[in-house]
Protein backbone atom coordinates (compact mmCIF):
# COMPACT_ATOMS: atom_id res chain seq x y z
CA UNK A 1 0.77 -0.24 -29.04
CA UNK A 2 0.76 0.52 -25.28
CA UNK A 3 -1.93 -2.00 -24.39
CA UNK A 4 -4.34 0.60 -23.07
CA UNK A 5 -8.10 0.45 -23.61
CA UNK A 6 -9.49 2.42 -26.55
CA UNK A 7 -12.92 2.92 -25.05
CA UNK A 8 -12.06 4.22 -21.58
CA UNK A 9 -11.30 7.57 -20.00
CA UNK A 10 -7.67 7.10 -18.92
CA UNK A 11 -6.44 8.88 -15.80
CA UNK A 12 -2.69 8.94 -15.27
CA UNK A 13 -0.29 9.23 -12.35
CA UNK A 14 3.46 9.42 -12.90
CA UNK A 15 6.08 9.61 -10.20
CA UNK A 16 7.74 7.86 -7.34
CA UNK A 17 5.65 5.57 -5.18
CA UNK A 18 6.66 7.24 -1.94
CA UNK A 19 4.76 8.56 1.07
CA UNK A 20 4.65 12.27 0.13
CA UNK A 21 2.91 11.47 -3.18
CA UNK A 22 -0.06 10.27 -1.10
CA UNK A 23 -0.92 7.47 -3.54
CA UNK A 24 -3.07 5.47 -1.08
CA UNK A 25 -5.43 8.48 -0.94
CA UNK A 26 -5.58 8.56 -4.75
CA UNK A 27 -6.26 4.84 -5.07
CA UNK A 28 -8.85 4.47 -2.33
CA UNK A 29 -10.85 7.45 -3.56
CA UNK A 30 -10.56 6.41 -7.20
CA UNK A 31 -11.97 3.01 -6.28
CA UNK A 32 -14.79 4.63 -4.29
CA UNK A 33 -15.84 6.83 -7.20
CA UNK A 34 -14.87 4.84 -10.32
CA UNK A 35 -14.16 1.28 -9.15
CA UNK A 36 -17.15 -0.13 -11.02
CA UNK A 37 -17.13 2.26 -13.98
CA UNK A 38 -16.12 0.22 -17.06
CA UNK A 39 -15.29 3.43 -18.94
CA UNK A 40 -12.70 4.69 -16.46
CA UNK A 41 -9.12 3.43 -16.24
CA UNK A 42 -6.26 4.48 -13.95
CA UNK A 43 -2.69 4.16 -15.24
CA UNK A 44 0.02 4.24 -12.58
CA UNK A 45 3.57 4.85 -13.83
CA UNK A 46 6.72 4.94 -11.71
CA UNK A 47 8.58 2.96 -9.12
CA UNK A 48 9.49 3.07 -5.48
CA UNK A 49 8.94 1.31 -2.18
CA UNK A 50 5.13 1.58 -2.21
CA UNK A 51 4.67 0.25 -5.76
CA UNK A 52 4.48 -3.47 -5.02
CA UNK A 53 2.45 -3.23 -1.80
CA UNK A 54 -0.11 -1.00 -3.51
CA UNK A 55 -0.18 -3.13 -6.67
CA UNK A 56 -0.88 -6.16 -4.47
CA UNK A 57 -3.57 -4.35 -2.50
CA UNK A 58 -5.43 -3.23 -5.65
CA UNK A 59 -4.79 -6.27 -7.88
CA UNK A 60 -8.51 -7.17 -7.99
CA UNK A 61 -9.28 -3.95 -9.89
CA UNK A 62 -8.69 -4.60 -13.58
CA UNK A 63 -9.08 -0.90 -14.38
CA UNK A 64 -6.08 0.07 -12.23
CA UNK A 65 -2.90 -0.60 -14.16
CA UNK A 66 0.46 -0.54 -12.36
CA UNK A 67 3.13 -0.41 -15.08
CA UNK A 68 6.12 0.53 -12.91
CA UNK A 69 9.00 2.50 -14.43
CA UNK A 70 8.75 3.05 -18.18
CA UNK A 71 11.18 4.77 -20.53
CA UNK A 72 8.48 6.24 -22.78
CA UNK A 73 6.39 8.28 -20.33
CA UNK A 74 5.56 10.86 -23.00
CA UNK A 75 3.91 8.20 -25.19
CA UNK A 76 1.76 7.11 -22.27
CA UNK A 77 0.79 10.69 -21.44
CA UNK A 78 -0.32 11.26 -25.02
CA UNK A 79 -2.58 8.20 -24.76
CA UNK A 80 -4.29 9.44 -21.57
CA UNK A 81 -7.18 11.81 -20.92
CA UNK A 82 -6.25 13.45 -17.59
CA UNK A 83 -3.46 13.61 -15.02
CA UNK A 84 -3.73 13.34 -11.23
CA UNK A 85 -1.30 14.47 -8.53
CA UNK A 86 -2.22 13.98 -4.88
CA UNK A 87 1.20 15.09 -3.61
CA UNK A 88 1.48 16.48 -0.11
CA UNK A 89 4.63 18.41 -1.05
CA UNK A 90 6.71 19.04 -4.17
CA UNK A 91 9.68 20.94 -5.45
CA UNK A 92 9.02 21.89 -9.06
CA UNK A 93 6.21 19.50 -10.08
CA UNK A 94 7.79 18.32 -13.33
CA UNK A 95 5.33 15.45 -13.78
CA UNK A 96 2.43 17.90 -13.75
CA UNK A 97 4.14 20.23 -16.22
CA UNK A 98 5.04 17.33 -18.54
CA UNK A 99 1.43 16.14 -18.51
CA UNK A 100 0.14 19.64 -19.22
CA UNK A 101 2.67 20.04 -22.05
CA UNK A 102 1.10 17.01 -23.77
CA UNK A 103 -2.36 18.54 -23.41
CA UNK A 104 -3.68 16.75 -20.34
CA UNK A 105 -6.00 18.55 -17.95
CA UNK A 106 -5.03 18.06 -14.32
CA UNK A 107 -6.50 17.26 -10.92
CA UNK A 108 -4.07 18.58 -8.30
CA UNK A 109 -3.87 18.85 -4.53
CA UNK A 110 -3.83 22.47 -3.36
CA UNK A 111 -0.21 22.52 -2.19
CA UNK A 112 1.66 25.76 -2.85
CA UNK A 113 3.47 24.48 -5.94
CA UNK A 114 0.22 23.35 -7.56
CA UNK A 115 -1.48 26.62 -6.61
CA UNK A 116 1.30 28.47 -8.47
CA UNK A 117 0.51 26.50 -11.63
CA UNK A 118 -3.23 27.21 -11.27
CA UNK A 119 -2.62 30.90 -10.60
CA UNK A 120 -1.53 31.24 -14.23
CA UNK A 121 -4.66 29.63 -15.68
CA UNK A 122 -7.56 28.20 -13.66
CA UNK A 123 -9.06 26.47 -16.73
CA UNK A 124 -6.43 23.67 -16.75
CA UNK A 125 -8.48 21.32 -14.54
CA UNK A 126 -9.28 21.28 -10.84
CA UNK A 127 -7.46 22.03 -7.62
CA UNK A 128 -8.87 20.16 -4.62
CA UNK A 129 -8.36 20.69 -0.89
CA UNK A 130 -5.58 18.39 0.29
CA UNK A 131 -6.80 15.42 2.37
CA UNK A 132 -10.43 16.22 1.49
CA UNK A 133 -11.78 13.03 -0.10
CA UNK A 134 -15.16 14.57 -0.96
CA UNK A 135 -13.55 17.53 -2.75
CA UNK A 136 -11.12 15.20 -4.54
CA UNK A 137 -13.88 12.88 -5.78
CA UNK A 138 -16.03 15.86 -6.82
CA UNK A 139 -13.08 17.23 -8.81
CA UNK A 140 -12.59 13.88 -10.53
CA UNK A 141 -16.27 13.71 -11.44
CA UNK A 142 -16.40 17.32 -12.65
CA UNK A 143 -13.50 16.73 -15.00
CA UNK A 144 -14.77 13.30 -16.11
CA UNK A 145 -18.20 14.75 -16.94
CA UNK A 146 -16.93 18.15 -18.11
CA UNK A 147 -15.19 19.63 -21.10
CA UNK A 148 -11.92 17.70 -21.00
CA UNK A 149 -10.86 18.94 -24.43
CA UNK A 150 -11.02 22.63 -23.45
CA UNK A 151 -9.22 21.98 -20.15
CA UNK A 152 -6.55 20.01 -22.01
CA UNK A 153 -6.04 22.84 -24.50
CA UNK A 154 -5.76 25.33 -21.63
CA UNK A 155 -3.21 23.06 -19.91
CA UNK A 156 -1.20 22.70 -23.12
CA UNK A 157 -1.07 26.43 -23.78
CA UNK A 158 -0.34 27.27 -20.15
CA UNK A 159 2.57 24.84 -20.00
CA UNK A 160 4.12 26.07 -23.24
CA UNK A 161 3.51 29.78 -22.67
CA UNK A 162 4.40 29.97 -18.99
CA UNK A 163 6.55 27.01 -17.94
CA UNK A 164 8.81 26.21 -20.88
CA UNK A 165 12.56 26.20 -20.26
CA UNK A 166 12.85 29.46 -22.22
CA UNK A 167 10.13 31.22 -20.19
CA UNK A 168 11.52 29.97 -16.88
CA UNK A 169 15.02 31.12 -17.87
CA UNK A 170 13.69 34.57 -18.79
CA UNK A 171 11.93 34.86 -15.43
CA UNK A 172 15.05 33.83 -13.50
CA UNK A 173 17.06 36.41 -15.45
CA UNK A 174 14.53 39.10 -14.55
CA UNK A 175 14.77 38.18 -10.85
CA UNK A 176 18.57 38.14 -10.94
CA UNK A 177 18.69 41.51 -12.72
CA UNK A 178 16.31 43.06 -10.21
CA UNK A 179 18.47 41.72 -7.37
CA UNK A 180 21.61 43.24 -8.91
CA UNK A 181 19.92 46.63 -9.24
């Protein structure tokens, strides 16, 4: 239905194609490690000023799919195998939490917001050192060759047990009550 390959490991990025998402780092290192792997596929969802220049730069790679903005992100996430965020900064990383909520393991840069997510459960995927291409590629390979199903289950449970709207609301209420006291 979505036009994605049935026989490939599908990595996914969702978000704005802007500088702080550090997408050129993601793409160049993906190509270095998986550019010739016929069983690996990178799905890029979202829009922004860097979308077209990057799509043009990587157009020769059939296994990198720039779809732009889509209205059914959740359907795409459910069709993927893992989620990647190379962000250099974030507020609340909703894209990461949405991916985890669908059961996707994650590869995340070690910014503070991603570290907070990993502090709850380290089995959800891999946290790599920001700007460290070797660590990033090693994390990709470890997940690709590892137990994706278990990491995905850990991500799913972590998202639903720790980051649901209900849980977040309860935590904010606890903070507010402690401040009042």
